[in-house]
Amino acid sequence: MSEDLQLEPLILPRSRKVPKRLQHGDTVHHISRNEIEYFIVQFYTAIDVAISNLTNRFDSTDLRKYQKITKVLLTGVVNESILKNYPEFQIADLDLQLNMYSAHY
């Protein structure tokens, strides 16, 4: 199959001996027996890193703040506890503007 797609064949990287200073007790360094076993570990490591990065990006507190502000703007229900940290929102004017917007749309 790799020849049909003009891909290089999979090969294992050279196995390296763990330095003595990093060896603790009777632990044995893992060595993959074949190419598929090696690349399965690499694949799941890459997937784990991607999921962790996406979770960190979309689970941030700043994004939650923006979601709350968006909810206020889309629903028209002014929540003063959310907007008090943003001086650019004038709460009395915003309430009136959101009511006018919801009446037209």
PDB file of N, CA and C in Angstrom:
ATOM      1  N   MET A   1       0.817  -1.185   0.000  1.00  0.00           N
ATOM      2  CA  MET A   1       0.000   0.000   0.000  1.00  0.00           C
ATOM      3  C   MET A   1       0.866   1.256   0.000  1.00  0.00           C
ATOM      4  N   SER A   2       1.959   1.256   0.753  1.00  0.00           N
ATOM      5  CA  SER A   2       2.814   2.442   0.796  1.00  0.00           C
ATOM      6  C   SER A   2       3.456   2.710  -0.560  1.00  0.00           C
ATOM      7  N   GLU A   3       3.686   1.655  -1.348  1.00  0.00           N
ATOM      8  CA  GLU A   3       4.259   1.859  -2.677  1.00  0.00           C
ATOM      9  C   GLU A   3       3.239   2.494  -3.617  1.00  0.00           C
ATOM     10  N   ASP A   4       1.955   2.137  -3.468  1.00  0.00           N
ATOM     11  CA  ASP A   4       0.904   2.727  -4.299  1.00  0.00           C
ATOM     12  C   ASP A   4       0.772   4.223  -4.042  1.00  0.00           C
ATOM     13  N   LEU A   5       0.954   4.619  -2.794  1.00  0.00           N
ATOM     14  CA  LEU A   5       0.843   6.033  -2.418  1.00  0.00           C
ATOM     15  C   LEU A   5       2.174   6.758  -2.470  1.00  0.00           C
ATOM     16  N   GLN A   6       3.205   6.087  -2.896  1.00  0.00           N
ATOM     17  CA  GLN A   6       4.562   6.626  -3.008  1.00  0.00           C
ATOM     18  C   GLN A   6       5.070   7.158  -1.665  1.00  0.00           C
ATOM     19  N   LEU A   7       4.865   6.355  -0.612  1.00  0.00           N
ATOM     20  CA  LEU A   7       5.342   6.702   0.728  1.00  0.00           C
ATOM     21  C   LEU A   7       6.570   5.880   1.058  1.00  0.00           C
ATOM     22  N   GLU A   8       7.401   6.434   1.920  1.00  0.00           N
ATOM     23  CA  GLU A   8       8.570   5.687   2.359  1.00  0.00           C
ATOM     24  C   GLU A   8       8.113   4.612   3.350  1.00  0.00           C
ATOM     25  N   PRO A   9       8.743   3.468   3.349  1.00  0.00           N
ATOM     26  CA  PRO A   9       8.345   2.425   4.296  1.00  0.00           C
ATOM     27  C   PRO A   9       8.666   2.846   5.735  1.00  0.00           C
ATOM     28  N   LEU A  10       7.846   2.351   6.670  1.00  0.00           N
ATOM     29  CA  LEU A  10       8.054   2.671   8.081  1.00  0.00           C
ATOM     30  C   LEU A  10       9.244   1.886   8.619  1.00  0.00           C
ATOM     31  N   ILE A  11      10.074   2.577   9.366  1.00  0.00           N
ATOM     32  CA  ILE A  11      11.206   1.903  10.011  1.00  0.00           C
ATOM     33  C   ILE A  11      11.275   2.363  11.454  1.00  0.00           C
ATOM     34  N   LEU A  12      11.750   1.500  12.310  1.00  0.00           N
ATOM     35  CA  LEU A  12      11.923   1.848  13.715  1.00  0.00           C
ATOM     36  C   LEU A  12      13.140   2.754  13.883  1.00  0.00           C
ATOM     37  N   PRO A  13      13.035   3.742  14.767  1.00  0.00           N
ATOM     38  CA  PRO A  13      14.234   4.520  15.053  1.00  0.00           C
ATOM     39  C   PRO A  13      15.230   3.655  15.832  1.00  0.00           C
ATOM     40  N   ARG A  14      16.465   4.047  15.756  1.00  0.00           N
ATOM     41  CA  ARG A  14      17.503   3.289  16.448  1.00  0.00           C
ATOM     42  C   ARG A  14      17.217   3.266  17.949  1.00  0.00           C
ATOM     43  N   SER A  15      17.289   2.102  18.550  1.00  0.00           N
ATOM     44  CA  SER A  15      17.061   2.015  19.996  1.00  0.00           C
ATOM     45  C   SER A  15      18.324   2.462  20.716  1.00  0.00           C
ATOM     46  N   ARG A  16      18.119   3.235  21.752  1.00  0.00           N
ATOM     47  CA  ARG A  16      19.249   3.779  22.497  1.00  0.00           C
ATOM     48  C   ARG A  16      19.248   3.226  23.901  1.00  0.00           C
ATOM     49  N   LYS A  17      20.398   3.043  24.421  1.00  0.00           N
ATOM     50  CA  LYS A  17      20.551   2.550  25.786  1.00  0.00           C
ATOM     51  C   LYS A  17      20.325   3.711  26.752  1.00  0.00           C
ATOM     52  N   VAL A  18      19.560   3.454  27.805  1.00  0.00           N
ATOM     53  CA  VAL A  18      19.284   4.474  28.804  1.00  0.00           C
ATOM     54  C   VAL A  18      20.549   4.697  29.626  1.00  0.00           C
ATOM     55  N   PRO A  19      20.958   5.963  29.835  1.00  0.00           N
ATOM     56  CA  PRO A  19      22.153   6.227  30.633  1.00  0.00           C
ATOM     57  C   PRO A  19      22.000   5.711  32.060  1.00  0.00           C
ATOM     58  N   LYS A  20      23.094   5.315  32.646  1.00  0.00           N
ATOM     59  CA  LYS A  20      23.094   4.757  34.010  1.00  0.00           C
ATOM     60  C   LYS A  20      22.507   5.738  35.022  1.00  0.00           C
ATOM     61  N   ARG A  21      22.768   7.018  34.834  1.00  0.00           N
ATOM     62  CA  ARG A  21      22.281   7.998  35.799  1.00  0.00           C
ATOM     63  C   ARG A  21      20.765   8.114  35.797  1.00  0.00           C
ATOM     64  N   LEU A  22      20.106   7.652  34.718  1.00  0.00           N
ATOM     65  CA  LEU A  22      18.652   7.701  34.643  1.00  0.00           C
ATOM     66  C   LEU A  22      17.993   6.384  35.022  1.00  0.00           C
ATOM     67  N   GLN A  23      18.775   5.357  35.226  1.00  0.00           N
ATOM     68  CA  GLN A  23      18.222   4.064  35.602  1.00  0.00           C
ATOM     69  C   GLN A  23      18.029   4.007  37.105  1.00  0.00           C
ATOM     70  N   HIS A  24      16.848   3.596  37.509  1.00  0.00           N
ATOM     71  CA  HIS A  24      16.534   3.482  38.929  1.00  0.00           C
ATOM     72  C   HIS A  24      15.982   2.085  39.193  1.00  0.00           C
ATOM     73  N   GLY A  25      16.653   1.296  39.953  1.00  0.00           N
ATOM     74  CA  GLY A  25      16.168  -0.031  40.317  1.00  0.00           C
ATOM     75  C   GLY A  25      16.194  -0.992  39.140  1.00  0.00           C
ATOM     76  N   ASP A  26      15.202  -1.871  39.119  1.00  0.00           N
ATOM     77  CA  ASP A  26      15.139  -2.911  38.097  1.00  0.00           C
ATOM     78  C   ASP A  26      14.194  -2.565  36.957  1.00  0.00           C
ATOM     79  N   THR A  27      13.933  -1.297  36.730  1.00  0.00           N
ATOM     80  CA  THR A  27      13.019  -0.921  35.653  1.00  0.00           C
ATOM     81  C   THR A  27      13.639  -1.233  34.304  1.00  0.00           C
ATOM     82  N   VAL A  28      12.783  -1.587  33.363  1.00  0.00           N
ATOM     83  CA  VAL A  28      13.233  -1.933  32.017  1.00  0.00           C
ATOM     84  C   VAL A  28      12.693  -0.896  31.047  1.00  0.00           C
ATOM     85  N   HIS A  29      13.544  -0.391  30.207  1.00  0.00           N
ATOM     86  CA  HIS A  29      13.156   0.573  29.190  1.00  0.00           C
ATOM     87  C   HIS A  29      12.305  -0.116  28.129  1.00  0.00           C
ATOM     88  N   HIS A  30      11.198   0.531  27.739  1.00  0.00           N
ATOM     89  CA  HIS A  30      10.309  -0.063  26.741  1.00  0.00           C
ATOM     90  C   HIS A  30      10.924   0.047  25.349  1.00  0.00           C
ATOM     91  N   ILE A  31      10.950  -1.059  24.640  1.00  0.00           N
ATOM     92  CA  ILE A  31      11.438  -1.085  23.266  1.00  0.00           C
ATOM     93  C   ILE A  31      10.344  -1.692  22.401  1.00  0.00           C
ATOM     94  N   SER A  32       9.934  -0.970  21.380  1.00  0.00           N
ATOM     95  CA  SER A  32       8.882  -1.470  20.485  1.00  0.00           C
ATOM     96  C   SER A  32       9.408  -2.643  19.682  1.00  0.00           C
ATOM     97  N   ARG A  33       8.530  -3.642  19.494  1.00  0.00           N
ATOM     98  CA  ARG A  33       8.930  -4.846  18.765  1.00  0.00           C
ATOM     99  C   ARG A  33       8.833  -4.673  17.254  1.00  0.00           C
ATOM    100  N   ASN A  34       7.913  -3.803  16.806  1.00  0.00           N
ATOM    101  CA  ASN A  34       7.777  -3.596  15.366  1.00  0.00           C
ATOM    102  C   ASN A  34       7.352  -2.151  15.099  1.00  0.00           C
ATOM    103  N   GLU A  35       7.276  -1.806  13.830  1.00  0.00           N
ATOM    104  CA  GLU A  35       6.979  -0.428  13.446  1.00  0.00           C
ATOM    105  C   GLU A  35       5.575  -0.009  13.862  1.00  0.00           C
ATOM    106  N   ILE A  36       4.631  -0.912  13.729  1.00  0.00           N
ATOM    107  CA  ILE A  36       3.242  -0.565  14.051  1.00  0.00           C
ATOM    108  C   ILE A  36       3.103  -0.252  15.540  1.00  0.00           C
ATOM    109  N   GLU A  37       3.700  -1.046  16.380  1.00  0.00           N
ATOM    110  CA  GLU A  37       3.642  -0.806  17.824  1.00  0.00           C
ATOM    111  C   GLU A  37       4.263   0.543  18.165  1.00  0.00           C
ATOM    112  N   TYR A  38       5.359   0.871  17.536  1.00  0.00           N
ATOM    113  CA  TYR A  38       6.035   2.141  17.797  1.00  0.00           C
ATOM    114  C   TYR A  38       5.144   3.322  17.379  1.00  0.00           C
ATOM    115  N   PHE A  39       4.574   3.246  16.180  1.00  0.00           N
ATOM    116  CA  PHE A  39       3.790   4.372  15.682  1.00  0.00           C
ATOM    117  C   PHE A  39       2.416   4.467  16.336  1.00  0.00           C
ATOM    118  N   ILE A  40       1.888   3.384  16.900  1.00  0.00           N
ATOM    119  CA  ILE A  40       0.648   3.473  17.668  1.00  0.00           C
ATOM    120  C   ILE A  40       0.876   4.337  18.904  1.00  0.00           C
ATOM    121  N   VAL A  41       1.997   4.135  19.577  1.00  0.00           N
ATOM    122  CA  VAL A  41       2.325   4.951  20.746  1.00  0.00           C
ATOM    123  C   VAL A  41       2.481   6.414  20.332  1.00  0.00           C
ATOM    124  N   GLN A  42       3.166   6.663  19.215  1.00  0.00           N
ATOM    125  CA  GLN A  42       3.356   8.030  18.729  1.00  0.00           C
ATOM    126  C   GLN A  42       2.014   8.683  18.375  1.00  0.00           C
ATOM    127  N   PHE A  43       1.120   7.911  17.745  1.00  0.00           N
ATOM    128  CA  PHE A  43      -0.189   8.419  17.343  1.00  0.00           C
ATOM    129  C   PHE A  43      -1.005   8.833  18.567  1.00  0.00           C
ATOM    130  N   TYR A  44      -1.082   7.956  19.570  1.00  0.00           N
ATOM    131  CA  TYR A  44      -1.878   8.284  20.744  1.00  0.00           C
ATOM    132  C   TYR A  44      -1.261   9.408  21.561  1.00  0.00           C
ATOM    133  N   THR A  45       0.040   9.527  21.536  1.00  0.00           N
ATOM    134  CA  THR A  45       0.685  10.658  22.204  1.00  0.00           C
ATOM    135  C   THR A  45       0.304  11.970  21.510  1.00  0.00           C
ATOM    136  N   ALA A  46       0.313  11.978  20.195  1.00  0.00           N
ATOM    137  CA  ALA A  46      -0.060  13.179  19.444  1.00  0.00           C
ATOM    138  C   ALA A  46      -1.527  13.537  19.673  1.00  0.00           C
ATOM    139  N   ILE A  47      -2.396  12.539  19.699  1.00  0.00           N
ATOM    140  CA  ILE A  47      -3.817  12.788  19.954  1.00  0.00           C
ATOM    141  C   ILE A  47      -4.009  13.354  21.360  1.00  0.00           C
ATOM    142  N   ASP A  48      -3.304  12.812  22.336  1.00  0.00           N
ATOM    143  CA  ASP A  48      -3.411  13.287  23.717  1.00  0.00           C
ATOM    144  C   ASP A  48      -2.953  14.735  23.838  1.00  0.00           C
ATOM    145  N   VAL A  49      -1.866  15.076  23.173  1.00  0.00           N
ATOM    146  CA  VAL A  49      -1.369  16.458  23.207  1.00  0.00           C
ATOM    147  C   VAL A  49      -2.372  17.401  22.553  1.00  0.00           C
ATOM    148  N   ALA A  50      -2.950  16.995  21.425  1.00  0.00           N
ATOM    149  CA  ALA A  50      -3.932  17.834  20.734  1.00  0.00           C
ATOM    150  C   ALA A  50      -5.169  18.063  21.604  1.00  0.00           C
ATOM    151  N   ILE A  51      -5.674  17.014  22.231  1.00  0.00           N
ATOM    152  CA  ILE A  51      -6.851  17.149  23.085  1.00  0.00           C
ATOM    153  C   ILE A  51      -6.545  18.042  24.284  1.00  0.00           C
ATOM    154  N   SER A  52      -5.375  17.885  24.878  1.00  0.00           N
ATOM    155  CA  SER A  52      -4.998  18.725  26.023  1.00  0.00           C
ATOM    156  C   SER A  52      -4.913  20.189  25.629  1.00  0.00           C
ATOM    157  N   ASN A  53      -4.302  20.466  24.485  1.00  0.00           N
ATOM    158  CA  ASN A  53      -4.182  21.856  24.038  1.00  0.00           C
ATOM    159  C   ASN A  53      -5.542  22.467  23.719  1.00  0.00           C
ATOM    160  N   LEU A  54      -6.421  21.713  23.071  1.00  0.00           N
ATOM    161  CA  LEU A  54      -7.761  22.226  22.769  1.00  0.00           C
ATOM    162  C   LEU A  54      -8.572  22.450  24.041  1.00  0.00           C
ATOM    163  N   THR A  55      -8.434  21.546  24.994  1.00  0.00           N
ATOM    164  CA  THR A  55      -9.141  21.707  26.264  1.00  0.00           C
ATOM    165  C   THR A  55      -8.649  22.952  26.989  1.00  0.00           C
ATOM    166  N   ASN A  56      -7.342  23.162  27.024  1.00  0.00           N
ATOM    167  CA  ASN A  56      -6.794  24.358  27.677  1.00  0.00           C
ATOM    168  C   ASN A  56      -7.248  25.630  26.982  1.00  0.00           C
ATOM    169  N   ARG A  57      -7.311  25.603  25.664  1.00  0.00           N
ATOM    170  CA  ARG A  57      -7.684  26.802  24.915  1.00  0.00           C
ATOM    171  C   ARG A  57      -9.149  27.155  25.123  1.00  0.00           C
ATOM    172  N   PHE A  58     -10.029  26.161  25.059  1.00  0.00           N
ATOM    173  CA  PHE A  58     -11.457  26.443  25.104  1.00  0.00           C
ATOM    174  C   PHE A  58     -12.063  26.310  26.491  1.00  0.00           C
ATOM    175  N   ASP A  59     -11.268  26.051  27.490  1.00  0.00           N
ATOM    176  CA  ASP A  59     -11.756  25.969  28.858  1.00  0.00           C
ATOM    177  C   ASP A  59     -11.213  27.117  29.704  1.00  0.00           C
ATOM    178  N   SER A  60     -10.723  28.145  29.070  1.00  0.00           N
ATOM    179  CA  SER A  60     -10.104  29.240  29.815  1.00  0.00           C
ATOM    180  C   SER A  60     -11.168  30.137  30.451  1.00  0.00           C
ATOM    181  N   THR A  61     -10.784  30.849  31.487  1.00  0.00           N
ATOM    182  CA  THR A  61     -11.720  31.745  32.172  1.00  0.00           C
ATOM    183  C   THR A  61     -12.077  32.942  31.293  1.00  0.00           C
ATOM    184  N   ASP A  62     -11.142  33.396  30.456  1.00  0.00           N
ATOM    185  CA  ASP A  62     -11.437  34.520  29.567  1.00  0.00           C
ATOM    186  C   ASP A  62     -12.539  34.151  28.570  1.00  0.00           C
ATOM    187  N   LEU A  63     -12.484  32.951  28.050  1.00  0.00           N
ATOM    188  CA  LEU A  63     -13.504  32.527  27.094  1.00  0.00           C
ATOM    189  C   LEU A  63     -14.870  32.446  27.778  1.00  0.00           C
ATOM    190  N   ARG A  64     -14.893  32.013  29.018  1.00  0.00           N
ATOM    191  CA  ARG A  64     -16.165  31.967  29.756  1.00  0.00           C
ATOM    192  C   ARG A  64     -16.738  33.373  29.950  1.00  0.00           C
ATOM    193  N   LYS A  65     -15.858  34.349  30.208  1.00  0.00           N
ATOM    194  CA  LYS A  65     -16.324  35.735  30.345  1.00  0.00           C
ATOM    195  C   LYS A  65     -16.942  36.227  29.043  1.00  0.00           C
ATOM    196  N   TYR A  66     -16.289  35.932  27.917  1.00  0.00           N
ATOM    197  CA  TYR A  66     -16.820  36.346  26.623  1.00  0.00           C
ATOM    198  C   TYR A  66     -18.148  35.656  26.317  1.00  0.00           C
ATOM    199  N   GLN A  67     -18.289  34.409  26.732  1.00  0.00           N
ATOM    200  CA  GLN A  67     -19.547  33.699  26.534  1.00  0.00           C
ATOM    201  C   GLN A  67     -20.668  34.356  27.334  1.00  0.00           C
ATOM    202  N   LYS A  68     -20.375  34.794  28.559  1.00  0.00           N
ATOM    203  CA  LYS A  68     -21.390  35.449  29.379  1.00  0.00           C
ATOM    204  C   LYS A  68     -21.800  36.788  28.778  1.00  0.00           C
ATOM    205  N   ILE A  69     -20.822  37.547  28.276  1.00  0.00           N
ATOM    206  CA  ILE A  69     -21.139  38.833  27.640  1.00  0.00           C
ATOM    207  C   ILE A  69     -21.968  38.602  26.376  1.00  0.00           C
ATOM    208  N   THR A  70     -21.610  37.598  25.600  1.00  0.00           N
ATOM    209  CA  THR A  70     -22.371  37.282  24.394  1.00  0.00           C
ATOM    210  C   THR A  70     -23.795  36.887  24.739  1.00  0.00           C
ATOM    211  N   LYS A  71     -23.959  36.132  25.809  1.00  0.00           N
ATOM    212  CA  LYS A  71     -25.299  35.732  26.246  1.00  0.00           C
ATOM    213  C   LYS A  71     -26.134  36.953  26.618  1.00  0.00           C
ATOM    214  N   VAL A  72     -25.517  37.916  27.310  1.00  0.00           N
ATOM    215  CA  VAL A  72     -26.229  39.150  27.661  1.00  0.00           C
ATOM    216  C   VAL A  72     -26.665  39.877  26.400  1.00  0.00           C
ATOM    217  N   LEU A  73     -25.763  39.986  25.435  1.00  0.00           N
ATOM    218  CA  LEU A  73     -26.087  40.725  24.215  1.00  0.00           C
ATOM    219  C   LEU A  73     -27.123  40.021  23.347  1.00  0.00           C
ATOM    220  N   LEU A  74     -27.119  38.701  23.332  1.00  0.00           N
ATOM    221  CA  LEU A  74     -28.053  37.965  22.483  1.00  0.00           C
ATOM    222  C   LEU A  74     -29.429  37.778  23.128  1.00  0.00           C
ATOM    223  N   THR A  75     -29.472  37.612  24.436  1.00  0.00           N
ATOM    224  CA  THR A  75     -30.759  37.392  25.094  1.00  0.00           C
ATOM    225  C   THR A  75     -31.445  38.695  25.473  1.00  0.00           C
ATOM    226  N   GLY A  76     -30.692  39.760  25.667  1.00  0.00           N
ATOM    227  CA  GLY A  76     -31.278  41.037  26.068  1.00  0.00           C
ATOM    228  C   GLY A  76     -31.483  41.153  27.568  1.00  0.00           C
ATOM    229  N   VAL A  77     -31.093  40.143  28.328  1.00  0.00           N
ATOM    230  CA  VAL A  77     -31.219  40.188  29.786  1.00  0.00           C
ATOM    231  C   VAL A  77     -29.913  40.714  30.351  1.00  0.00           C
ATOM    232  N   VAL A  78     -29.954  41.929  30.891  1.00  0.00           N
ATOM    233  CA  VAL A  78     -28.747  42.579  31.397  1.00  0.00           C
ATOM    234  C   VAL A  78     -28.423  42.025  32.778  1.00  0.00           C
ATOM    235  N   ASN A  79     -27.230  41.487  32.908  1.00  0.00           N
ATOM    236  CA  ASN A  79     -26.741  40.962  34.185  1.00  0.00           C
ATOM    237  C   ASN A  79     -25.646  41.909  34.663  1.00  0.00           C
ATOM    238  N   GLU A  80     -25.972  42.725  35.649  1.00  0.00           N
ATOM    239  CA  GLU A  80     -25.038  43.758  36.104  1.00  0.00           C
ATOM    240  C   GLU A  80     -23.773  43.181  36.711  1.00  0.00           C
ATOM    241  N   SER A  81     -23.857  41.994  37.312  1.00  0.00           N
ATOM    242  CA  SER A  81     -22.666  41.411  37.925  1.00  0.00           C
ATOM    243  C   SER A  81     -21.606  41.056  36.877  1.00  0.00           C
ATOM    244  N   ILE A  82     -22.051  40.760  35.672  1.00  0.00           N
ATOM    245  CA  ILE A  82     -21.107  40.446  34.595  1.00  0.00           C
ATOM    246  C   ILE A  82     -20.540  41.725  33.991  1.00  0.00           C
ATOM    247  N   LEU A  83     -21.403  42.719  33.790  1.00  0.00           N
ATOM    248  CA  LEU A  83     -21.008  43.923  33.060  1.00  0.00           C
ATOM    249  C   LEU A  83     -20.324  44.977  33.909  1.00  0.00           C
ATOM    250  N   LYS A  84     -20.346  44.830  35.240  1.00  0.00           N
ATOM    251  CA  LYS A  84     -19.759  45.877  36.079  1.00  0.00           C
ATOM    252  C   LYS A  84     -18.243  45.999  35.906  1.00  0.00           C
ATOM    253  N   ASN A  85     -17.583  44.962  35.414  1.00  0.00           N
ATOM    254  CA  ASN A  85     -16.131  45.005  35.205  1.00  0.00           C
ATOM    255  C   ASN A  85     -15.742  45.646  33.879  1.00  0.00           C
ATOM    256  N   TYR A  86     -16.722  46.019  33.084  1.00  0.00           N
ATOM    257  CA  TYR A  86     -16.455  46.589  31.763  1.00  0.00           C
ATOM    258  C   TYR A  86     -17.052  47.991  31.702  1.00  0.00           C
ATOM    259  N   PRO A  87     -16.229  49.018  31.881  1.00  0.00           N
ATOM    260  CA  PRO A  87     -16.765  50.385  31.900  1.00  0.00           C
ATOM    261  C   PRO A  87     -17.312  50.842  30.545  1.00  0.00           C
ATOM    262  N   GLU A  88     -16.940  50.185  29.473  1.00  0.00           N
ATOM    263  CA  GLU A  88     -17.456  50.593  28.163  1.00  0.00           C
ATOM    264  C   GLU A  88     -18.930  50.250  27.983  1.00  0.00           C
ATOM    265  N   PHE A  89     -19.455  49.359  28.824  1.00  0.00           N
ATOM    266  CA  PHE A  89     -20.888  49.063  28.812  1.00  0.00           C
ATOM    267  C   PHE A  89     -21.568  49.976  29.814  1.00  0.00           C
ATOM    268  N   GLN A  90     -22.401  50.862  29.327  1.00  0.00           N
ATOM    269  CA  GLN A  90     -23.208  51.701  30.221  1.00  0.00           C
ATOM    270  C   GLN A  90     -24.520  50.959  30.414  1.00  0.00           C
ATOM    271  N   ILE A  91     -24.704  50.438  31.617  1.00  0.00           N
ATOM    272  CA  ILE A  91     -25.750  49.456  31.873  1.00  0.00           C
ATOM    273  C   ILE A  91     -27.147  50.010  31.592  1.00  0.00           C
ATOM    274  N   ALA A  92     -27.420  51.244  31.992  1.00  0.00           N
ATOM    275  CA  ALA A  92     -28.759  51.816  31.753  1.00  0.00           C
ATOM    276  C   ALA A  92     -29.018  51.964  30.254  1.00  0.00           C
ATOM    277  N   ASP A  93     -28.029  52.482  29.530  1.00  0.00           N
ATOM    278  CA  ASP A  93     -28.186  52.648  28.085  1.00  0.00           C
ATOM    279  C   ASP A  93     -28.257  51.299  27.380  1.00  0.00           C
ATOM    280  N   LEU A  94     -27.469  50.356  27.835  1.00  0.00           N
ATOM    281  CA  LEU A  94     -27.450  49.044  27.210  1.00  0.00           C
ATOM    282  C   LEU A  94     -28.797  48.344  27.357  1.00  0.00           C
ATOM    283  N   ASP A  95     -29.411  48.473  28.518  1.00  0.00           N
ATOM    284  CA  ASP A  95     -30.724  47.863  28.734  1.00  0.00           C
ATOM    285  C   ASP A  95     -31.733  48.438  27.745  1.00  0.00           C
ATOM    286  N   LEU A  96     -31.742  49.734  27.581  1.00  0.00           N
ATOM    287  CA  LEU A  96     -32.646  50.387  26.637  1.00  0.00           C
ATOM    288  C   LEU A  96     -32.343  49.964  25.204  1.00  0.00           C
ATOM    289  N   GLN A  97     -31.066  49.935  24.829  1.00  0.00           N
ATOM    290  CA  GLN A  97     -30.684  49.565  23.468  1.00  0.00           C
ATOM    291  C   GLN A  97     -31.049  48.116  23.152  1.00  0.00           C
ATOM    292  N   LEU A  98     -30.855  47.219  24.098  1.00  0.00           N
ATOM    293  CA  LEU A  98     -31.191  45.813  23.867  1.00  0.00           C
ATOM    294  C   LEU A  98     -32.703  45.629  23.738  1.00  0.00           C
ATOM    295  N   ASN A  99     -33.481  46.391  24.516  1.00  0.00           N
ATOM    296  CA  ASN A  99     -34.933  46.325  24.379  1.00  0.00           C
ATOM    297  C   ASN A  99     -35.380  46.835  23.014  1.00  0.00           C
ATOM    298  N   MET A 100     -34.780  47.916  22.525  1.00  0.00           N
ATOM    299  CA  MET A 100     -35.113  48.443  21.198  1.00  0.00           C
ATOM    300  C   MET A 100     -34.701  47.438  20.114  1.00  0.00           C
ATOM    301  N   TYR A 101     -33.554  46.827  20.266  1.00  0.00           N
ATOM    302  CA  TYR A 101     -33.068  45.851  19.292  1.00  0.00           C
ATOM    303  C   TYR A 101     -33.993  44.641  19.225  1.00  0.00           C
ATOM    304  N   SER A 102     -34.419  44.151  20.382  1.00  0.00           N
ATOM    305  CA  SER A 102     -35.287  42.966  20.383  1.00  0.00           C
ATOM    306  C   SER A 102     -36.660  43.293  19.819  1.00  0.00           C
ATOM    307  N   ALA A 103     -37.099  44.541  19.927  1.00  0.00           N
ATOM    308  CA  ALA A 103     -38.401  44.933  19.359  1.00  0.00           C
ATOM    309  C   ALA A 103     -38.350  44.944  17.828  1.00  0.00           C
ATOM    310  N   HIS A 104     -37.202  45.304  17.263  1.00  0.00           N
ATOM    311  CA  HIS A 104     -37.088  45.382  15.802  1.00  0.00           C
ATOM    312  C   HIS A 104     -36.726  44.049  15.172  1.00  0.00           C
ATOM    313  N   TYR A 105     -36.027  43.185  15.914  1.00  0.00           N
ATOM    314  CA  TYR A 105     -35.540  41.940  15.324  1.00  0.00           C
ATOM    315  C   TYR A 105     -36.089  40.800  16.102  1.00  0.00           C
TER     316      TYR A 105
END
